[in-house]
Amino acid sequence: MKNLIVLTLVLLTMNSLEAQVRILKRQSLYSFVGLTKRVVRPREIPYRGFESLSVKEDFSDLTSFLNLKSHHRIPNMETTFSFVNTRADVKKFFTADMGLCRGYSSLRRKMRHLAFFDPENINKIEIPNQENKKKYRKFYRNLIRKIRKYQPTIIPGFQNLRELSSHPLLIKMVTKEVLHEWGVKNFSRGTNTRALVRGVFKSSAYEELLLMRKKIEDFKNLNLNTMIWLSQKHSTWIHALEAIDVTPVQADGSFKVTFWNDKFLQPEKATSSITVNLDGSIHYDDGIEKRILNAAGVTQENDGEYLKMGENLKSFCQASPSICSIMSNH
């Protein structure tokens, strides 16, 4: 019942009936699935009490494994999808009226840390023949789903995520996995849904935004990207994306956060930013349009996800040190 109330509140805070219809047009099925999972599997997303990775010394060994691919922390061509998070790209594969920002950024981050690409298939994994399209797609879909469940996974036959998601037999499947990741992240417990809903109609205080800045800085110092949500008051516009950099607080109280933008493939374009001012106002610019936002915050699953990934990577690398060493460079 509480979950239905949360969804109802989200819809009621939107600014028009037309906007609500647009949301329900695409989200109804996946929202229902997400809410069902929230009841049946309330701990879909690991959170471990949201311990702080930046201050817990006993997590240092886990962060060292997470840093195996820290060179891909900023926008690059290798560890991103072949498609962008726009209606034009997404609607090719399913009915879409809104973006999939949270699923896009979340799955990209998991793939970056947990996917070990083996283009020459040195591990001799049996890959189905492409002539059997269904079996071929299922083989790679199962690998991506293992990664979605925080399992380090060898992906044979491809150099990187960009190449994998470019394959004509796989692009639709990969896009749908982004959609499923979106559904889980939007409604599972531990994603700070309450704060996101509040942000639709209430502005963030400057002090809250300073805490967000500190969290981004802490993760940056660990060579990790934290996930941030943004919202525009009384609007259907809610956005989630990886924060890759943050400036010191300036003399006038302002600071700037830079994100890995999901609207461009070219690394030199794939950044967006917010500028936060002392009065709490937030100015957003993604290279396409500028917005005045009213709220922003950290998605709570960051610490728990990184802990889970770090633990699994540690086990994987201890069991297969040679594989981990060679493939962490991809």
C-alpha atoms as a PDB file:
ATOM      1  CA  MET A   1       0.000   0.000   0.000  1.00  0.00           C
ATOM      2  CA  LYS A   2       2.823   2.413   0.865  1.00  0.00           C
ATOM      3  CA  ASN A   3       4.375   1.788  -2.543  1.00  0.00           C
ATOM      4  CA  LEU A   4       1.129   2.678  -4.307  1.00  0.00           C
ATOM      5  CA  ILE A   5       0.886   5.849  -2.225  1.00  0.00           C
ATOM      6  CA  VAL A   6       4.416   6.821  -3.288  1.00  0.00           C
ATOM      7  CA  LEU A   7       3.571   6.334  -6.960  1.00  0.00           C
ATOM      8  CA  THR A   8       0.322   8.273  -6.555  1.00  0.00           C
ATOM      9  CA  LEU A   9       2.157  11.178  -4.924  1.00  0.00           C
ATOM     10  CA  VAL A  10       4.587  11.305  -7.826  1.00  0.00           C
ATOM     11  CA  LEU A  11       1.736  11.493 -10.307  1.00  0.00           C
ATOM     12  CA  LEU A  12      -0.212  14.082  -8.333  1.00  0.00           C
ATOM     13  CA  THR A  13       2.754  16.427  -8.177  1.00  0.00           C
ATOM     14  CA  MET A  14       3.103  16.553 -11.944  1.00  0.00           C
ATOM     15  CA  ASN A  15       1.850  19.728 -13.563  1.00  0.00           C
ATOM     16  CA  SER A  16      -0.776  18.427 -16.003  1.00  0.00           C
ATOM     17  CA  LEU A  17      -3.067  15.551 -16.883  1.00  0.00           C
ATOM     18  CA  GLU A  18      -1.278  15.311 -20.225  1.00  0.00           C
ATOM     19  CA  ALA A  19       2.040  14.820 -18.435  1.00  0.00           C
ATOM     20  CA  GLN A  20       0.523  12.089 -16.257  1.00  0.00           C
ATOM     21  CA  VAL A  21      -0.830  10.291 -19.336  1.00  0.00           C
ATOM     22  CA  ARG A  22       2.596  10.467 -20.975  1.00  0.00           C
ATOM     23  CA  ILE A  23       4.194   8.901 -17.925  1.00  0.00           C
ATOM     24  CA  LEU A  24       1.641   6.108 -17.658  1.00  0.00           C
ATOM     25  CA  LYS A  25       1.822   5.424 -21.396  1.00  0.00           C
ATOM     26  CA  ARG A  26       5.259   3.905 -21.093  1.00  0.00           C
ATOM     27  CA  GLN A  27       5.824   3.415 -17.403  1.00  0.00           C
ATOM     28  CA  SER A  28       2.681   1.554 -16.367  1.00  0.00           C
ATOM     29  CA  LEU A  29       3.917  -1.983 -17.027  1.00  0.00           C
ATOM     30  CA  TYR A  30       7.459  -1.420 -15.810  1.00  0.00           C
ATOM     31  CA  SER A  31       6.246   0.581 -12.819  1.00  0.00           C
ATOM     32  CA  PHE A  32       3.973  -2.297 -11.859  1.00  0.00           C
ATOM     33  CA  VAL A  33       6.826  -4.791 -12.223  1.00  0.00           C
ATOM     34  CA  GLY A  34       9.140  -2.536 -10.238  1.00  0.00           C
ATOM     35  CA  LEU A  35       6.632  -2.064  -7.437  1.00  0.00           C
ATOM     36  CA  THR A  36       5.955  -5.806  -7.329  1.00  0.00           C
ATOM     37  CA  LYS A  37       9.664  -6.511  -6.985  1.00  0.00           C
ATOM     38  CA  ARG A  38       9.832  -3.934  -4.221  1.00  0.00           C
ATOM     39  CA  VAL A  39       7.315  -5.961  -2.226  1.00  0.00           C
ATOM     40  CA  VAL A  40       8.594  -9.440  -3.137  1.00  0.00           C
ATOM     41  CA  ARG A  41      12.322  -8.645  -3.110  1.00  0.00           C
ATOM     42  CA  PRO A  42      12.699  -5.560  -0.919  1.00  0.00           C
ATOM     43  CA  ARG A  43      16.503  -5.761  -0.926  1.00  0.00           C
ATOM     44  CA  GLU A  44      16.959  -5.876  -4.697  1.00  0.00           C
ATOM     45  CA  ILE A  45      19.652  -3.215  -4.320  1.00  0.00           C
ATOM     46  CA  PRO A  46      22.328  -3.871  -1.686  1.00  0.00           C
ATOM     47  CA  TYR A  47      22.847  -0.968   0.684  1.00  0.00           C
ATOM     48  CA  ARG A  48      24.583  -2.349   3.805  1.00  0.00           C
ATOM     49  CA  GLY A  49      23.219   0.461   5.924  1.00  0.00           C
ATOM     50  CA  PHE A  50      24.774   2.992   3.544  1.00  0.00           C
ATOM     51  CA  GLU A  51      28.203   2.908   5.172  1.00  0.00           C
ATOM     52  CA  SER A  52      30.487   5.629   3.910  1.00  0.00           C
ATOM     53  CA  LEU A  53      33.203   4.248   1.675  1.00  0.00           C
ATOM     54  CA  SER A  54      35.239   7.392   2.199  1.00  0.00           C
ATOM     55  CA  VAL A  55      35.701   7.076   5.956  1.00  0.00           C
ATOM     56  CA  LYS A  56      35.632   3.347   6.672  1.00  0.00           C
ATOM     57  CA  GLU A  57      39.238   2.148   6.608  1.00  0.00           C
ATOM     58  CA  ASP A  58      38.223  -1.501   6.410  1.00  0.00           C
ATOM     59  CA  PHE A  59      36.781  -0.837   2.944  1.00  0.00           C
ATOM     60  CA  SER A  60      40.115   0.245   1.472  1.00  0.00           C
ATOM     61  CA  ASP A  61      40.867  -3.215   0.061  1.00  0.00           C
ATOM     62  CA  LEU A  62      37.483  -3.272  -1.678  1.00  0.00           C
ATOM     63  CA  THR A  63      37.991   0.144  -3.249  1.00  0.00           C
ATOM     64  CA  SER A  64      41.344  -1.009  -4.604  1.00  0.00           C
ATOM     65  CA  PHE A  65      39.513  -3.630  -6.681  1.00  0.00           C
ATOM     66  CA  LEU A  66      36.946  -1.071  -7.788  1.00  0.00           C
ATOM     67  CA  ASN A  67      39.821   1.082  -9.006  1.00  0.00           C
ATOM     68  CA  LEU A  68      40.962  -1.543 -11.510  1.00  0.00           C
ATOM     69  CA  LYS A  69      39.092   0.427 -14.154  1.00  0.00           C
ATOM     70  CA  SER A  70      39.306   3.919 -12.689  1.00  0.00           C
ATOM     71  CA  HIS A  71      40.906   5.087 -15.962  1.00  0.00           C
ATOM     72  CA  HIS A  72      37.417   4.799 -17.459  1.00  0.00           C
ATOM     73  CA  ARG A  73      35.773   6.962 -14.797  1.00  0.00           C
ATOM     74  CA  ILE A  74      35.322   9.947 -17.121  1.00  0.00           C
ATOM     75  CA  PRO A  75      33.522   9.988 -20.518  1.00  0.00           C
ATOM     76  CA  ASN A  76      35.158   7.740 -23.092  1.00  0.00           C
ATOM     77  CA  MET A  77      34.172   5.768 -26.158  1.00  0.00           C
ATOM     78  CA  GLU A  78      35.003   2.312 -24.835  1.00  0.00           C
ATOM     79  CA  THR A  79      32.831   1.984 -21.736  1.00  0.00           C
ATOM     80  CA  THR A  80      29.630   3.544 -22.954  1.00  0.00           C
ATOM     81  CA  PHE A  81      26.693   2.309 -25.028  1.00  0.00           C
ATOM     82  CA  SER A  82      26.443   2.705 -28.796  1.00  0.00           C
ATOM     83  CA  PHE A  83      23.171   4.594 -28.308  1.00  0.00           C
ATOM     84  CA  VAL A  84      22.325   7.640 -26.229  1.00  0.00           C
ATOM     85  CA  ASN A  85      19.517   8.358 -23.819  1.00  0.00           C
ATOM     86  CA  THR A  86      17.204  10.225 -26.163  1.00  0.00           C
ATOM     87  CA  ARG A  87      13.737   9.422 -27.420  1.00  0.00           C
ATOM     88  CA  ALA A  88      15.055   9.208 -30.970  1.00  0.00           C
ATOM     89  CA  ASP A  89      17.494   6.423 -30.055  1.00  0.00           C
ATOM     90  CA  VAL A  90      15.316   4.561 -27.580  1.00  0.00           C
ATOM     91  CA  LYS A  91      12.036   4.583 -29.502  1.00  0.00           C
ATOM     92  CA  LYS A  92      13.604   2.400 -32.183  1.00  0.00           C
ATOM     93  CA  PHE A  93      13.345  -0.546 -29.821  1.00  0.00           C
ATOM     94  CA  PHE A  94      10.236   0.014 -27.680  1.00  0.00           C
ATOM     95  CA  THR A  95       7.542   2.598 -27.051  1.00  0.00           C
ATOM     96  CA  ALA A  96       9.252   5.373 -25.140  1.00  0.00           C
ATOM     97  CA  ASP A  97       8.004   8.783 -24.119  1.00  0.00           C
ATOM     98  CA  MET A  98      10.596   9.578 -21.491  1.00  0.00           C
ATOM     99  CA  GLY A  99      14.291   8.978 -20.993  1.00  0.00           C
ATOM    100  CA  LEU A 100      15.970   6.055 -19.267  1.00  0.00           C
ATOM    101  CA  CYS A 101      18.647   8.079 -17.509  1.00  0.00           C
ATOM    102  CA  ARG A 102      18.815   6.038 -14.342  1.00  0.00           C
ATOM    103  CA  GLY A 103      18.970   2.698 -16.090  1.00  0.00           C
ATOM    104  CA  TYR A 104      21.439   4.031 -18.644  1.00  0.00           C
ATOM    105  CA  SER A 105      23.897   5.455 -16.093  1.00  0.00           C
ATOM    106  CA  SER A 106      23.470   2.612 -13.614  1.00  0.00           C
ATOM    107  CA  LEU A 107      24.059  -0.219 -16.082  1.00  0.00           C
ATOM    108  CA  ARG A 108      26.947   1.644 -17.692  1.00  0.00           C
ATOM    109  CA  ARG A 109      28.592   1.978 -14.277  1.00  0.00           C
ATOM    110  CA  LYS A 110      28.094  -1.714 -13.495  1.00  0.00           C
ATOM    111  CA  MET A 111      29.461  -2.731 -16.884  1.00  0.00           C
ATOM    112  CA  ARG A 112      32.507  -0.532 -16.372  1.00  0.00           C
ATOM    113  CA  HIS A 113      33.432  -2.211 -13.099  1.00  0.00           C
ATOM    114  CA  LEU A 114      32.233  -5.773 -13.601  1.00  0.00           C
ATOM    115  CA  ALA A 115      32.583  -6.607 -17.309  1.00  0.00           C
ATOM    116  CA  PHE A 116      35.871  -8.258 -18.308  1.00  0.00           C
ATOM    117  CA  PHE A 117      35.969  -8.197 -22.100  1.00  0.00           C
ATOM    118  CA  ASP A 118      37.849 -10.991 -23.841  1.00  0.00           C
ATOM    119  CA  PRO A 119      37.908 -10.135 -27.572  1.00  0.00           C
ATOM    120  CA  GLU A 120      40.167 -13.051 -28.505  1.00  0.00           C
ATOM    121  CA  ASN A 121      38.236 -15.455 -26.259  1.00  0.00           C
ATOM    122  CA  ILE A 122      41.434 -16.636 -24.594  1.00  0.00           C
ATOM    123  CA  ASN A 123      39.261 -18.302 -21.958  1.00  0.00           C
ATOM    124  CA  LYS A 124      37.777 -20.598 -24.599  1.00  0.00           C
ATOM    125  CA  ILE A 125      34.173 -19.879 -23.693  1.00  0.00           C
ATOM    126  CA  GLU A 126      31.735 -21.523 -26.089  1.00  0.00           C
ATOM    127  CA  ILE A 127      29.873 -18.804 -27.982  1.00  0.00           C
ATOM    128  CA  PRO A 128      26.721 -19.799 -29.893  1.00  0.00           C
ATOM    129  CA  ASN A 129      26.822 -19.409 -33.667  1.00  0.00           C
ATOM    130  CA  GLN A 130      25.294 -16.133 -34.843  1.00  0.00           C
ATOM    131  CA  GLU A 131      23.125 -18.034 -37.296  1.00  0.00           C
ATOM    132  CA  ASN A 132      21.096 -19.128 -34.300  1.00  0.00           C
ATOM    133  CA  LYS A 133      20.059 -15.579 -33.478  1.00  0.00           C
ATOM    134  CA  LYS A 134      17.867 -16.432 -30.508  1.00  0.00           C
ATOM    135  CA  LYS A 135      20.530 -18.535 -28.792  1.00  0.00           C
ATOM    136  CA  TYR A 136      23.228 -15.958 -29.566  1.00  0.00           C
ATOM    137  CA  ARG A 137      21.184 -13.119 -28.019  1.00  0.00           C
ATOM    138  CA  LYS A 138      20.278 -15.214 -24.997  1.00  0.00           C
ATOM    139  CA  PHE A 139      23.944 -16.042 -24.360  1.00  0.00           C
ATOM    140  CA  TYR A 140      24.940 -12.373 -24.130  1.00  0.00           C
ATOM    141  CA  ARG A 141      21.742 -11.353 -22.348  1.00  0.00           C
ATOM    142  CA  ASN A 142      22.559 -13.823 -19.577  1.00  0.00           C
ATOM    143  CA  LEU A 143      26.037 -12.323 -19.229  1.00  0.00           C
ATOM    144  CA  ILE A 144      24.636  -8.800 -18.905  1.00  0.00           C
ATOM    145  CA  ARG A 145      22.067  -9.981 -16.361  1.00  0.00           C
ATOM    146  CA  LYS A 146      24.856 -11.465 -14.253  1.00  0.00           C
ATOM    147  CA  ILE A 147      26.491  -8.042 -14.270  1.00  0.00           C
ATOM    148  CA  ARG A 148      23.202  -6.408 -13.348  1.00  0.00           C
ATOM    149  CA  LYS A 149      23.252  -8.717 -10.312  1.00  0.00           C
ATOM    150  CA  TYR A 150      26.737  -7.494  -9.344  1.00  0.00           C
ATOM    151  CA  GLN A 151      28.675 -10.503 -10.611  1.00  0.00           C
ATOM    152  CA  PRO A 152      32.065  -9.936 -12.325  1.00  0.00           C
ATOM    153  CA  THR A 153      31.675 -11.542 -15.732  1.00  0.00           C
ATOM    154  CA  ILE A 154      33.884 -12.404 -18.689  1.00  0.00           C
ATOM    155  CA  ILE A 155      32.365 -11.289 -21.991  1.00  0.00           C
ATOM    156  CA  PRO A 156      34.042 -13.089 -24.892  1.00  0.00           C
ATOM    157  CA  GLY A 157      34.203 -11.909 -28.488  1.00  0.00           C
ATOM    158  CA  PHE A 158      34.080  -8.151 -27.938  1.00  0.00           C
ATOM    159  CA  GLN A 159      36.593  -5.410 -27.163  1.00  0.00           C
ATOM    160  CA  ASN A 160      34.317  -3.254 -25.017  1.00  0.00           C
ATOM    161  CA  LEU A 161      30.763  -2.182 -24.218  1.00  0.00           C
ATOM    162  CA  ARG A 162      30.567   0.128 -27.209  1.00  0.00           C
ATOM    163  CA  GLU A 163      31.356  -2.723 -29.589  1.00  0.00           C
ATOM    164  CA  LEU A 164      29.019  -5.164 -27.828  1.00  0.00           C
ATOM    165  CA  SER A 165      26.076  -2.765 -27.892  1.00  0.00           C
ATOM    166  CA  SER A 166      26.746  -1.916 -31.553  1.00  0.00           C
ATOM    167  CA  HIS A 167      26.230  -5.470 -32.769  1.00  0.00           C
ATOM    168  CA  PRO A 168      23.067  -5.592 -34.923  1.00  0.00           C
ATOM    169  CA  LEU A 169      21.845  -8.767 -33.205  1.00  0.00           C
ATOM    170  CA  LEU A 170      22.432  -7.386 -29.702  1.00  0.00           C
ATOM    171  CA  ILE A 171      21.623  -3.680 -29.680  1.00  0.00           C
ATOM    172  CA  LYS A 172      17.896  -4.176 -29.046  1.00  0.00           C
ATOM    173  CA  MET A 173      18.610  -6.669 -26.257  1.00  0.00           C
ATOM    174  CA  VAL A 174      21.125  -4.329 -24.583  1.00  0.00           C
ATOM    175  CA  THR A 175      18.696  -1.423 -24.807  1.00  0.00           C
ATOM    176  CA  LYS A 176      15.989  -3.486 -23.138  1.00  0.00           C
ATOM    177  CA  GLU A 177      18.396  -4.418 -20.336  1.00  0.00           C
ATOM    178  CA  VAL A 178      18.862  -0.679 -19.781  1.00  0.00           C
ATOM    179  CA  LEU A 179      15.074  -0.457 -19.544  1.00  0.00           C
ATOM    180  CA  HIS A 180      14.910  -3.271 -16.982  1.00  0.00           C
ATOM    181  CA  GLU A 181      17.690  -1.647 -14.955  1.00  0.00           C
ATOM    182  CA  TRP A 182      15.680   1.574 -15.054  1.00  0.00           C
ATOM    183  CA  GLY A 183      12.625  -0.220 -13.689  1.00  0.00           C
ATOM    184  CA  VAL A 184      14.536  -1.739 -10.788  1.00  0.00           C
ATOM    185  CA  LYS A 185      16.339   1.466  -9.877  1.00  0.00           C
ATOM    186  CA  ASN A 186      13.231   3.620  -9.977  1.00  0.00           C
ATOM    187  CA  PHE A 187      11.251   1.579  -7.492  1.00  0.00           C
ATOM    188  CA  SER A 188      13.466  -0.699  -5.390  1.00  0.00           C
ATOM    189  CA  ARG A 189      14.007   0.139  -1.767  1.00  0.00           C
ATOM    190  CA  GLY A 190      17.276   1.812  -1.025  1.00  0.00           C
ATOM    191  CA  THR A 191      17.278   4.235  -3.956  1.00  0.00           C
ATOM    192  CA  ASN A 192      16.141   7.243  -1.902  1.00  0.00           C
ATOM    193  CA  THR A 193      12.757   7.355  -3.612  1.00  0.00           C
ATOM    194  CA  ARG A 194      11.317   9.456  -0.805  1.00  0.00           C
ATOM    195  CA  ALA A 195      13.863  12.233  -1.327  1.00  0.00           C
ATOM    196  CA  LEU A 196      13.342  12.153  -5.086  1.00  0.00           C
ATOM    197  CA  VAL A 197       9.564  12.473  -4.698  1.00  0.00           C
ATOM    198  CA  ARG A 198      10.036  15.314  -2.234  1.00  0.00           C
ATOM    199  CA  GLY A 199      12.296  17.040  -4.751  1.00  0.00           C
ATOM    200  CA  VAL A 200       9.454  17.283  -7.244  1.00  0.00           C
ATOM    201  CA  PHE A 201       7.714  19.912  -5.118  1.00  0.00           C
ATOM    202  CA  LYS A 202      10.230  21.085  -2.506  1.00  0.00           C
ATOM    203  CA  SER A 203      13.514  22.896  -3.049  1.00  0.00           C
ATOM    204  CA  SER A 204      16.784  21.617  -1.601  1.00  0.00           C
ATOM    205  CA  ALA A 205      18.322  23.757   1.117  1.00  0.00           C
ATOM    206  CA  TYR A 206      21.824  25.062   0.436  1.00  0.00           C
ATOM    207  CA  GLU A 207      23.124  23.015   3.394  1.00  0.00           C
ATOM    208  CA  GLU A 208      21.748  19.826   1.765  1.00  0.00           C
ATOM    209  CA  LEU A 209      23.493  20.697  -1.465  1.00  0.00           C
ATOM    210  CA  LEU A 210      26.770  21.204   0.401  1.00  0.00           C
ATOM    211  CA  LEU A 211      26.436  17.674   1.814  1.00  0.00           C
ATOM    212  CA  MET A 212      25.842  16.401  -1.707  1.00  0.00           C
ATOM    213  CA  ARG A 213      28.998  18.228  -2.853  1.00  0.00           C
ATOM    214  CA  LYS A 214      30.999  16.569  -0.050  1.00  0.00           C
ATOM    215  CA  LYS A 215      29.729  13.121  -1.053  1.00  0.00           C
ATOM    216  CA  ILE A 216      30.708  13.697  -4.694  1.00  0.00           C
ATOM    217  CA  GLU A 217      34.150  14.866  -3.590  1.00  0.00           C
ATOM    218  CA  ASP A 218      34.614  11.837  -1.334  1.00  0.00           C
ATOM    219  CA  PHE A 219      33.824   9.465  -4.194  1.00  0.00           C
ATOM    220  CA  LYS A 220      36.028  11.404  -6.616  1.00  0.00           C
ATOM    221  CA  ASN A 221      38.935  11.033  -4.172  1.00  0.00           C
ATOM    222  CA  LEU A 222      38.384   7.269  -4.391  1.00  0.00           C
ATOM    223  CA  ASN A 223      38.358   7.424  -8.223  1.00  0.00           C
ATOM    224  CA  LEU A 224      34.660   6.532  -8.190  1.00  0.00           C
ATOM    225  CA  ASN A 225      31.538   8.240  -9.514  1.00  0.00           C
ATOM    226  CA  THR A 226      28.538   8.766  -7.308  1.00  0.00           C
ATOM    227  CA  MET A 227      25.020   8.887  -8.753  1.00  0.00           C
ATOM    228  CA  ILE A 228      23.031  12.109  -8.429  1.00  0.00           C
ATOM    229  CA  TRP A 229      19.372  12.884  -9.025  1.00  0.00           C
ATOM    230  CA  LEU A 230      18.055  16.264 -10.209  1.00  0.00           C
ATOM    231  CA  SER A 231      14.509  17.569 -10.415  1.00  0.00           C
ATOM    232  CA  GLN A 232      12.563  20.530 -11.713  1.00  0.00           C
ATOM    233  CA  LYS A 233       9.674  21.738  -9.585  1.00  0.00           C
ATOM    234  CA  HIS A 234       6.155  20.598 -10.593  1.00  0.00           C
ATOM    235  CA  SER A 235       7.522  18.927 -13.704  1.00  0.00           C
ATOM    236  CA  THR A 236       7.930  15.491 -15.242  1.00  0.00           C
ATOM    237  CA  TRP A 237      11.635  16.309 -15.628  1.00  0.00           C
ATOM    238  CA  ILE A 238      13.668  14.150 -13.241  1.00  0.00           C
ATOM    239  CA  HIS A 239      17.200  13.180 -14.129  1.00  0.00           C
ATOM    240  CA  ALA A 240      19.824  10.811 -12.709  1.00  0.00           C
ATOM    241  CA  LEU A 241      23.440  10.599 -13.830  1.00  0.00           C
ATOM    242  CA  GLU A 242      27.026  10.030 -12.701  1.00  0.00           C
ATOM    243  CA  ALA A 243      28.908  12.907 -11.087  1.00  0.00           C
ATOM    244  CA  ILE A 244      32.542  12.925 -12.216  1.00  0.00           C
ATOM    245  CA  ASP A 245      33.885  16.179 -10.772  1.00  0.00           C
ATOM    246  CA  VAL A 246      33.100  19.002  -8.357  1.00  0.00           C
ATOM    247  CA  THR A 247      34.791  22.345  -7.746  1.00  0.00           C
ATOM    248  CA  PRO A 248      35.702  23.836  -4.358  1.00  0.00           C
ATOM    249  CA  VAL A 249      33.164  26.230  -2.855  1.00  0.00           C
ATOM    250  CA  GLN A 250      33.901  29.680  -4.244  1.00  0.00           C
ATOM    251  CA  ALA A 251      34.065  32.948  -2.280  1.00  0.00           C
ATOM    252  CA  ASP A 252      30.463  33.717  -3.253  1.00  0.00           C
ATOM    253  CA  GLY A 253      29.299  30.301  -1.988  1.00  0.00           C
ATOM    254  CA  SER A 254      28.802  28.769  -5.427  1.00  0.00           C
ATOM    255  CA  PHE A 255      30.198  25.493  -6.709  1.00  0.00           C
ATOM    256  CA  LYS A 256      29.935  23.461  -9.895  1.00  0.00           C
ATOM    257  CA  VAL A 257      29.289  19.741 -10.430  1.00  0.00           C
ATOM    258  CA  THR A 258      30.197  18.038 -13.701  1.00  0.00           C
ATOM    259  CA  PHE A 259      28.322  14.926 -14.867  1.00  0.00           C
ATOM    260  CA  TRP A 260      28.782  12.196 -17.446  1.00  0.00           C
ATOM    261  CA  ASN A 261      26.051  13.266 -19.833  1.00  0.00           C
ATOM    262  CA  ASP A 262      24.008  10.519 -21.520  1.00  0.00           C
ATOM    263  CA  LYS A 263      22.936  12.633 -24.516  1.00  0.00           C
ATOM    264  CA  PHE A 264      26.179  12.433 -26.508  1.00  0.00           C
ATOM    265  CA  LEU A 265      28.572   9.656 -27.546  1.00  0.00           C
ATOM    266  CA  GLN A 266      31.580  11.873 -28.208  1.00  0.00           C
ATOM    267  CA  PRO A 267      33.636  12.155 -24.986  1.00  0.00           C
ATOM    268  CA  GLU A 268      34.360  15.842 -25.567  1.00  0.00           C
ATOM    269  CA  LYS A 269      30.610  16.553 -25.579  1.00  0.00           C
ATOM    270  CA  ALA A 270      29.464  13.992 -23.026  1.00  0.00           C
ATOM    271  CA  THR A 271      29.444  16.241 -19.974  1.00  0.00           C
ATOM    272  CA  SER A 272      26.743  18.351 -18.383  1.00  0.00           C
ATOM    273  CA  SER A 273      26.851  20.467 -15.253  1.00  0.00           C
ATOM    274  CA  ILE A 274      24.994  22.233 -12.508  1.00  0.00           C
ATOM    275  CA  THR A 275      26.037  25.435 -10.800  1.00  0.00           C
ATOM    276  CA  VAL A 276      24.758  25.749  -7.237  1.00  0.00           C
ATOM    277  CA  ASN A 277      24.490  29.221  -5.712  1.00  0.00           C
ATOM    278  CA  LEU A 278      24.423  30.417  -2.120  1.00  0.00           C
ATOM    279  CA  ASP A 279      20.651  30.990  -2.300  1.00  0.00           C
ATOM    280  CA  GLY A 280      20.177  27.303  -3.188  1.00  0.00           C
ATOM    281  CA  SER A 281      19.310  27.913  -6.831  1.00  0.00           C
ATOM    282  CA  ILE A 282      20.559  25.287  -9.277  1.00  0.00           C
ATOM    283  CA  HIS A 283      21.400  26.051 -12.908  1.00  0.00           C
ATOM    284  CA  TYR A 284      21.656  23.035 -15.230  1.00  0.00           C
ATOM    285  CA  ASP A 285      23.298  22.914 -18.667  1.00  0.00           C
ATOM    286  CA  ASP A 286      23.628  19.719 -20.720  1.00  0.00           C
ATOM    287  CA  GLY A 287      24.835  21.273 -23.960  1.00  0.00           C
ATOM    288  CA  ILE A 288      21.353  21.060 -25.450  1.00  0.00           C
ATOM    289  CA  GLU A 289      19.238  23.153 -23.099  1.00  0.00           C
ATOM    290  CA  LYS A 290      19.523  25.043 -19.835  1.00  0.00           C
ATOM    291  CA  ARG A 291      17.162  24.642 -16.880  1.00  0.00           C
ATOM    292  CA  ILE A 292      16.568  26.161 -13.471  1.00  0.00           C
ATOM    293  CA  LEU A 293      16.205  23.278 -11.006  1.00  0.00           C
ATOM    294  CA  ASN A 294      14.892  23.238  -7.486  1.00  0.00           C
ATOM    295  CA  ALA A 295      16.347  20.075  -5.991  1.00  0.00           C
ATOM    296  CA  ALA A 296      19.268  17.659  -6.203  1.00  0.00           C
ATOM    297  CA  GLY A 297      20.659  14.865  -4.094  1.00  0.00           C
ATOM    298  CA  VAL A 298      22.667  11.662  -3.903  1.00  0.00           C
ATOM    299  CA  THR A 299      20.956   8.373  -4.729  1.00  0.00           C
ATOM    300  CA  GLN A 300      21.374   6.227  -1.654  1.00  0.00           C
ATOM    301  CA  GLU A 301      22.392   2.997  -3.343  1.00  0.00           C
ATOM    302  CA  ASN A 302      25.912   4.249  -4.111  1.00  0.00           C
ATOM    303  CA  ASP A 303      27.708   2.895  -1.045  1.00  0.00           C
ATOM    304  CA  GLY A 304      25.894  -0.419  -0.976  1.00  0.00           C
ATOM    305  CA  GLU A 305      26.405  -1.050  -4.685  1.00  0.00           C
ATOM    306  CA  TYR A 306      30.083  -0.229  -4.540  1.00  0.00           C
ATOM    307  CA  LEU A 307      30.544  -2.457  -1.507  1.00  0.00           C
ATOM    308  CA  LYS A 308      28.815  -5.346  -3.257  1.00  0.00           C
ATOM    309  CA  MET A 309      30.832  -4.844  -6.433  1.00  0.00           C
ATOM    310  CA  GLY A 310      34.073  -4.506  -4.454  1.00  0.00           C
ATOM    311  CA  GLU A 311      33.441  -7.704  -2.514  1.00  0.00           C
ATOM    312  CA  ASN A 312      32.595  -9.661  -5.665  1.00  0.00           C
ATOM    313  CA  LEU A 313      35.564  -8.257  -7.570  1.00  0.00           C
ATOM    314  CA  LYS A 314      37.875  -9.199  -4.719  1.00  0.00           C
ATOM    315  CA  SER A 315      36.611 -12.792  -4.757  1.00  0.00           C
ATOM    316  CA  PHE A 316      36.830 -12.944  -8.553  1.00  0.00           C
ATOM    317  CA  CYS A 317      40.396 -11.578  -8.708  1.00  0.00           C
ATOM    318  CA  GLN A 318      41.589 -13.803  -5.887  1.00  0.00           C
ATOM    319  CA  ALA A 319      40.202 -16.857  -7.678  1.00  0.00           C
ATOM    320  CA  SER A 320      41.464 -15.807 -11.132  1.00  0.00           C
ATOM    321  CA  PRO A 321      44.362 -13.340 -10.665  1.00  0.00           C
ATOM    322  CA  SER A 322      45.748 -13.727 -14.195  1.00  0.00           C
ATOM    323  CA  ILE A 323      42.371 -13.125 -15.814  1.00  0.00           C
ATOM    324  CA  CYS A 324      41.713 -10.150 -13.577  1.00  0.00           C
ATOM    325  CA  SER A 325      45.123  -8.637 -14.295  1.00  0.00           C
ATOM    326  CA  ILE A 326      44.922  -8.980 -18.073  1.00  0.00           C
ATOM    327  CA  MET A 327      41.309  -7.993 -18.575  1.00  0.00           C
ATOM    328  CA  SER A 328      41.206  -5.075 -16.159  1.00  0.00           C
ATOM    329  CA  ASN A 329      43.082  -3.159 -18.859  1.00  0.00           C
ATOM    330  CA  HIS A 330      40.115  -3.402 -21.253  1.00  0.00           C
END
